[in-house]
Amino acid sequence: MKIGFIGLGNMGGPMSRNLLKAGYDVAVHDVRRKAAAEHEELGATWAPTPARTARDRAVVITMLPTPRHVEAVLLGPDGLLDALAPGSVWIDMSTSVPEVADRVRAQATARGVHVLDAPVSGMAAGAQAGLLQIFVGGDQEVYERVRPVFDIVGDPDRIMLVGGHGAGYTVKLMINLLWFSHLVATTEVLSIGTSAGVDLAVLRDALLTSPAASNFLERDVLSVLRDGDYDESFALALACKDLGLAVDLAREVQVPAELSALVEQVYRRARRAYGDLAGEMAPVKLWEDLLESPLRLTSSTDLQGV
């Protein structure tokens, strides 16, 4: 199976390299020519345009920052859509919205091109390890046909067909929305508790043994509490984009989203304070700056069992 891959950033770069290492014939494209250097060393073919990426390819994958970028690659000059052959499959693994794929699918279906939305979860580390969680929306027959590709870039035990077209996008947006909400709520709780005099490690341990425990509190927040790492592998600008898409979706389906809208505003405040390229966990710094002290597990006792 010949594959085209468009988007060689923090996620798409390692994903496409894993396909090359697995022996697939891969043509790659990115707006930054130098992003393909390591891929070419592994045997990839450089494609100068999205259209050329689709030449003689059974599957073309896009992994792009925003719906606007997806639409530009598919429908812009030298776009991907007109170059996809009948019977081929376009897989969009970006975090996007059904609206863009709906417009593209209306044209693709008439030409015999199949479409799957398959956004991922697992951060850059999961992409590098080939252990991403993948949420696929589309026809089961097409999904089963390309499942071997998903098994290379994702964890086979965590690849899910979650529904029809657009369901993958929706599930991923909901996961991100809940994760960002966990971050804001957890930071607020830890800041209040420590300001009231409770030791940070003791407070966290108490929360972890209570009904309020969460995977975020147990694992993800440790990058900040232990290492002072706000995860710059996923930029704050992209987090704000995802939150905006989630709140827009709530508006579209007419579901009240007061809490989600507030979380979005917290993230936008952090973006204003720390910049587009700050890490996705940078909103923690809003509280740290207010307290004039970082939230850190510092002593050897604090770090036992972490």
Protein backbone atom coordinates (compact mmCIF):
# COMPACT_ATOMS: atom_id res chain seq x y z
CA MET A 1 0.00 0.00 0.00
CA LYS A 2 1.40 3.38 -1.04
CA ILE A 3 0.69 6.25 1.34
CA GLY A 4 0.82 10.03 1.06
CA PHE A 5 1.30 12.08 4.23
CA ILE A 6 0.76 15.84 4.55
CA GLY A 7 1.80 17.70 7.71
CA LEU A 8 5.16 16.87 9.33
CA GLY A 9 4.88 18.75 12.62
CA ASN A 10 5.22 17.53 16.21
CA MET A 11 2.59 14.85 15.61
CA GLY A 12 2.65 14.17 11.89
CA GLY A 13 6.44 14.01 11.71
CA PRO A 14 6.88 10.96 13.96
CA MET A 15 3.67 9.35 12.71
CA SER A 16 4.88 9.38 9.10
CA ARG A 17 8.35 8.23 10.13
CA ASN A 18 6.81 5.23 11.89
CA LEU A 19 5.08 4.30 8.64
CA LEU A 20 8.41 4.48 6.83
CA LYS A 21 10.11 2.35 9.47
CA ALA A 22 7.33 -0.23 9.05
CA GLY A 23 8.24 -0.54 5.37
CA TYR A 24 5.50 1.54 3.73
CA ASP A 25 6.18 3.51 0.57
CA VAL A 26 5.43 7.08 1.75
CA ALA A 27 5.34 10.38 -0.13
CA VAL A 28 5.46 13.41 2.19
CA HIS A 29 4.58 17.08 1.94
CA ASP A 30 4.79 20.05 4.30
CA VAL A 31 4.92 23.81 3.86
CA ARG A 32 8.46 23.60 5.31
CA ARG A 33 10.71 21.72 2.90
CA LYS A 34 13.32 21.03 5.59
CA ALA A 35 10.75 19.21 7.72
CA ALA A 36 11.07 16.24 5.34
CA ALA A 37 14.84 15.82 5.68
CA GLU A 38 14.73 12.94 8.17
CA HIS A 39 11.90 11.30 6.24
CA GLU A 40 13.90 11.33 3.04
CA GLU A 41 16.80 9.70 4.87
CA LEU A 42 14.37 6.91 5.75
CA GLY A 43 13.33 6.54 2.10
CA ALA A 44 10.36 8.90 1.75
CA THR A 45 9.59 10.63 -1.54
CA TRP A 46 9.23 14.42 -1.35
CA ALA A 47 6.06 15.78 -2.95
CA PRO A 48 6.21 19.51 -3.79
CA THR A 49 2.42 20.03 -3.65
CA PRO A 50 -0.60 18.39 -1.99
CA ALA A 51 -1.73 17.19 -5.42
CA ARG A 52 1.59 15.46 -6.09
CA THR A 53 1.33 13.77 -2.70
CA ALA A 54 -1.71 11.86 -3.96
CA ARG A 55 -0.11 10.54 -7.14
CA ASP A 56 -0.39 6.72 -7.25
CA ARG A 57 -1.34 6.61 -3.55
CA ALA A 58 -4.03 4.32 -2.15
CA VAL A 59 -4.21 6.33 1.09
CA VAL A 60 -3.43 9.98 1.82
CA ILE A 61 -3.26 11.19 5.43
CA THR A 62 -3.47 14.80 6.56
CA MET A 63 -2.26 15.92 9.99
CA LEU A 64 -2.69 19.69 10.10
CA PRO A 65 -3.12 22.43 12.73
CA THR A 66 -6.60 23.82 11.99
CA PRO A 67 -9.70 23.23 9.83
CA ARG A 68 -8.58 26.20 7.72
CA HIS A 69 -5.33 24.41 6.88
CA VAL A 70 -7.20 21.20 6.05
CA GLU A 71 -9.52 23.01 3.67
CA ALA A 72 -6.61 24.84 2.00
CA VAL A 73 -4.73 21.60 1.38
CA LEU A 74 -7.79 19.83 0.00
CA LEU A 75 -9.37 22.59 -2.08
CA GLY A 76 -6.62 25.16 -2.71
CA PRO A 77 -4.33 25.52 -5.75
CA ASP A 78 -2.69 22.16 -6.54
CA GLY A 79 -5.07 20.77 -3.94
CA LEU A 80 -5.33 17.19 -2.83
CA LEU A 81 -8.95 16.50 -3.68
CA ASP A 82 -8.72 16.70 -7.46
CA ALA A 83 -5.66 14.44 -7.44
CA LEU A 84 -7.13 11.61 -5.37
CA ALA A 85 -7.85 8.56 -7.54
CA PRO A 86 -11.20 6.74 -7.48
CA GLY A 87 -11.09 4.08 -4.78
CA SER A 88 -8.44 5.88 -2.73
CA VAL A 89 -8.94 6.93 0.89
CA TRP A 90 -8.37 10.35 2.44
CA ILE A 91 -7.82 10.08 6.21
CA ASP A 92 -7.85 13.34 8.14
CA MET A 93 -6.10 12.82 11.48
CA SER A 94 -6.23 16.50 12.40
CA THR A 95 -8.32 17.81 15.28
CA SER A 96 -11.00 19.45 13.19
CA VAL A 97 -14.78 19.74 12.78
CA PRO A 98 -17.27 17.79 10.65
CA GLU A 99 -18.18 20.86 8.61
CA VAL A 100 -14.98 20.93 6.54
CA ALA A 101 -14.99 17.18 5.90
CA ASP A 102 -18.67 17.35 4.94
CA ARG A 103 -17.90 19.84 2.17
CA VAL A 104 -14.98 17.78 0.93
CA ARG A 105 -16.83 14.48 1.19
CA ALA A 106 -19.68 15.78 -0.93
CA GLN A 107 -17.22 16.23 -3.78
CA ALA A 108 -15.05 13.20 -3.00
CA THR A 109 -17.91 10.69 -2.87
CA ALA A 110 -19.05 11.66 -6.35
CA ARG A 111 -15.55 10.81 -7.60
CA GLY A 112 -15.35 7.47 -5.78
CA VAL A 113 -12.94 8.72 -3.09
CA HIS A 114 -13.51 7.45 0.46
CA VAL A 115 -13.16 9.68 3.53
CA LEU A 116 -12.40 8.91 7.18
CA ASP A 117 -11.90 11.33 10.07
CA ALA A 118 -9.43 9.85 12.54
CA PRO A 119 -8.06 12.37 15.07
CA VAL A 120 -5.63 11.15 17.70
CA SER A 121 -4.85 11.50 21.38
CA GLY A 122 -1.54 10.84 23.11
CA MET A 123 0.63 13.92 22.63
CA ALA A 124 3.99 13.97 20.83
CA ALA A 125 5.36 11.17 23.01
CA GLY A 126 2.57 8.86 21.85
CA ALA A 127 3.21 9.80 18.23
CA GLN A 128 6.90 8.98 18.57
CA ALA A 129 6.20 5.66 20.25
CA GLY A 130 3.45 4.70 17.79
CA LEU A 131 1.01 4.36 20.67
CA LEU A 132 -1.59 6.98 19.87
CA GLN A 133 -5.26 6.52 20.62
CA ILE A 134 -7.27 6.95 17.41
CA PHE A 135 -10.96 7.78 17.05
CA VAL A 136 -12.30 6.97 13.60
CA GLY A 137 -15.47 8.21 11.99
CA GLY A 138 -16.72 6.71 8.71
CA ASP A 139 -17.72 3.50 6.97
CA GLN A 140 -16.69 0.26 8.66
CA GLU A 141 -15.56 -1.39 5.41
CA VAL A 142 -13.16 1.46 4.64
CA TYR A 143 -11.96 1.51 8.25
CA GLU A 144 -11.16 -2.21 8.16
CA ARG A 145 -9.34 -1.80 4.85
CA VAL A 146 -6.90 0.77 6.26
CA ARG A 147 -6.74 -0.64 9.80
CA PRO A 148 -3.15 -1.91 9.26
CA VAL A 149 -2.07 1.73 8.77
CA PHE A 150 -3.73 2.76 12.02
CA ASP A 151 -2.02 -0.14 13.81
CA ILE A 152 1.39 1.32 12.92
CA VAL A 153 0.79 4.84 14.20
CA GLY A 154 -1.53 3.91 17.08
CA ASP A 155 -1.95 1.48 19.94
CA PRO A 156 -3.95 -1.42 18.43
CA ASP A 157 -5.86 -1.83 21.69
CA ARG A 158 -6.98 1.83 21.65
CA ILE A 159 -8.11 2.31 18.06
CA MET A 160 -11.87 2.80 17.90
CA LEU A 161 -14.48 3.17 15.18
CA VAL A 162 -16.68 5.62 17.07
CA GLY A 163 -19.45 6.18 14.53
CA GLY A 164 -20.22 7.67 11.14
CA HIS A 165 -18.52 10.55 9.39
CA GLY A 166 -17.63 13.32 11.81
CA ALA A 167 -17.89 11.19 14.96
CA GLY A 168 -14.10 10.97 15.27
CA TYR A 169 -13.78 14.75 15.24
CA THR A 170 -16.51 15.09 17.86
CA VAL A 171 -15.03 12.51 20.25
CA LYS A 172 -11.58 14.11 20.04
CA LEU A 173 -12.95 17.58 20.73
CA MET A 174 -14.84 16.27 23.76
CA ILE A 175 -11.70 14.57 25.09
CA ASN A 176 -9.69 17.77 24.74
CA LEU A 177 -12.48 19.83 26.29
CA LEU A 178 -12.64 17.59 29.36
CA TRP A 179 -8.82 17.48 29.69
CA PHE A 180 -8.52 21.27 29.59
CA SER A 181 -11.35 21.51 32.11
CA HIS A 182 -9.48 19.07 34.38
CA LEU A 183 -6.42 21.29 34.18
CA VAL A 184 -8.26 24.45 35.19
CA ALA A 185 -10.21 22.77 37.99
CA THR A 186 -7.19 20.90 39.36
CA THR A 187 -5.00 24.00 39.37
CA GLU A 188 -7.67 26.01 41.15
CA VAL A 189 -8.14 23.31 43.81
CA LEU A 190 -4.40 22.89 44.45
CA SER A 191 -3.93 26.66 44.66
CA ILE A 192 -6.77 27.12 47.16
CA GLY A 193 -5.67 24.19 49.32
CA THR A 194 -2.01 25.15 49.50
CA SER A 195 -2.87 28.80 50.14
CA ALA A 196 -4.93 27.60 53.10
CA GLY A 197 -1.86 25.89 54.51
CA VAL A 198 -2.11 22.26 53.32
CA ASP A 199 1.09 20.73 51.96
CA LEU A 200 0.88 20.20 48.19
CA ALA A 201 1.93 16.54 48.31
CA VAL A 202 -0.48 15.77 51.14
CA LEU A 203 -3.34 17.51 49.35
CA ARG A 204 -2.66 15.66 46.11
CA ASP A 205 -2.44 12.30 47.90
CA ALA A 206 -5.73 12.98 49.68
CA LEU A 207 -7.42 13.85 46.41
CA LEU A 208 -6.04 10.72 44.74
CA THR A 209 -7.58 8.48 47.40
CA SER A 210 -10.94 10.25 47.17
CA PRO A 211 -13.85 10.16 44.70
CA ALA A 212 -12.30 13.29 43.13
CA ALA A 213 -9.31 11.32 41.78
CA SER A 214 -8.53 11.57 38.06
CA ASN A 215 -5.94 10.43 35.56
CA PHE A 216 -5.00 14.09 35.11
CA LEU A 217 -4.28 14.53 38.83
CA GLU A 218 -2.42 11.22 39.03
CA ARG A 219 -0.30 11.53 35.88
CA ASP A 220 -0.57 14.51 33.56
CA VAL A 221 -0.20 17.34 36.08
CA LEU A 222 3.07 15.83 37.30
CA SER A 223 4.92 17.38 34.35
CA VAL A 224 4.29 20.73 36.07
CA LEU A 225 4.37 19.74 39.73
CA ARG A 226 7.51 17.63 39.44
CA ASP A 227 9.42 19.08 36.47
CA GLY A 228 8.07 22.58 35.80
CA ASP A 229 7.27 21.41 32.26
CA TYR A 230 4.19 23.04 30.72
CA ASP A 231 4.34 20.79 27.61
CA GLU A 232 5.44 23.05 24.77
CA SER A 233 5.01 20.14 22.35
CA PHE A 234 1.39 21.30 22.07
CA ALA A 235 1.14 25.06 21.75
CA LEU A 236 -1.31 27.18 23.71
CA ALA A 237 -2.58 28.64 20.43
CA LEU A 238 -3.67 25.15 19.34
CA ALA A 239 -5.31 24.49 22.70
CA CYS A 240 -7.32 27.69 22.30
CA LYS A 241 -8.25 26.59 18.79
CA ASP A 242 -9.56 23.26 20.05
CA LEU A 243 -11.52 24.89 22.85
CA GLY A 244 -13.06 27.34 20.40
CA LEU A 245 -14.10 24.48 18.13
CA ALA A 246 -15.66 22.60 21.05
CA VAL A 247 -17.64 25.62 22.23
CA ASP A 248 -18.73 26.31 18.64
CA LEU A 249 -19.95 22.71 18.39
CA ALA A 250 -21.97 23.12 21.57
CA ARG A 251 -23.58 26.22 20.07
CA GLU A 252 -24.31 24.34 16.83
CA VAL A 253 -26.08 21.49 18.62
CA GLN A 254 -27.78 23.93 20.99
CA VAL A 255 -26.33 22.57 24.23
CA PRO A 256 -25.51 25.09 26.99
CA ALA A 257 -21.76 25.15 27.69
CA GLU A 258 -21.22 27.74 30.42
CA LEU A 259 -18.34 25.91 32.11
CA SER A 260 -16.65 25.08 28.81
CA ALA A 261 -16.88 28.70 27.73
CA LEU A 262 -15.24 29.78 30.99
CA VAL A 263 -12.40 27.28 30.52
CA GLU A 264 -11.89 28.65 27.03
CA GLN A 265 -11.57 32.18 28.43
CA VAL A 266 -9.01 31.03 31.02
CA TYR A 267 -6.95 29.55 28.20
CA ARG A 268 -7.26 32.71 26.14
CA ARG A 269 -6.10 34.78 29.11
CA ALA A 270 -3.06 32.52 29.45
CA ARG A 271 -2.36 32.85 25.72
CA ARG A 272 -2.43 36.63 26.06
CA ALA A 273 -0.07 36.45 29.05
CA TYR A 274 2.44 33.87 27.82
CA GLY A 275 2.15 33.83 24.03
CA ASP A 276 1.02 31.49 21.28
CA LEU A 277 3.91 29.07 21.69
CA ALA A 278 3.60 28.55 25.43
CA GLY A 279 2.72 24.98 26.41
CA GLU A 280 -0.82 23.66 26.72
CA MET A 281 -0.42 23.53 30.52
CA ALA A 282 0.66 27.17 30.77
CA PRO A 283 -2.69 28.22 32.30
CA VAL A 284 -1.32 26.72 35.55
CA LYS A 285 1.05 29.70 35.60
CA LEU A 286 -1.88 32.10 35.96
CA TRP A 287 -2.42 30.79 39.49
CA GLU A 288 1.30 30.42 40.18
CA ASP A 289 1.84 34.07 39.25
CA LEU A 290 -1.06 35.09 41.46
CA LEU A 291 0.37 33.13 44.39
CA GLU A 292 3.90 34.35 43.57
CA SER A 293 5.05 30.77 44.03
CA PRO A 294 5.18 27.73 41.72
CA LEU A 295 3.16 24.63 42.49
CA ARG A 296 5.98 22.11 42.93
CA LEU A 297 6.66 18.82 44.64
CA THR A 298 10.19 19.53 45.86
CA SER A 299 11.33 17.19 48.61
CA SER A 300 12.27 13.52 48.30
CA THR A 301 9.26 12.75 50.53
CA ASP A 302 6.96 14.63 48.13
CA LEU A 303 8.22 12.56 45.22
CA GLN A 304 7.94 9.10 46.80
CA GLY A 305 5.64 6.95 44.69
CA VAL A 306 5.49 9.56 41.92
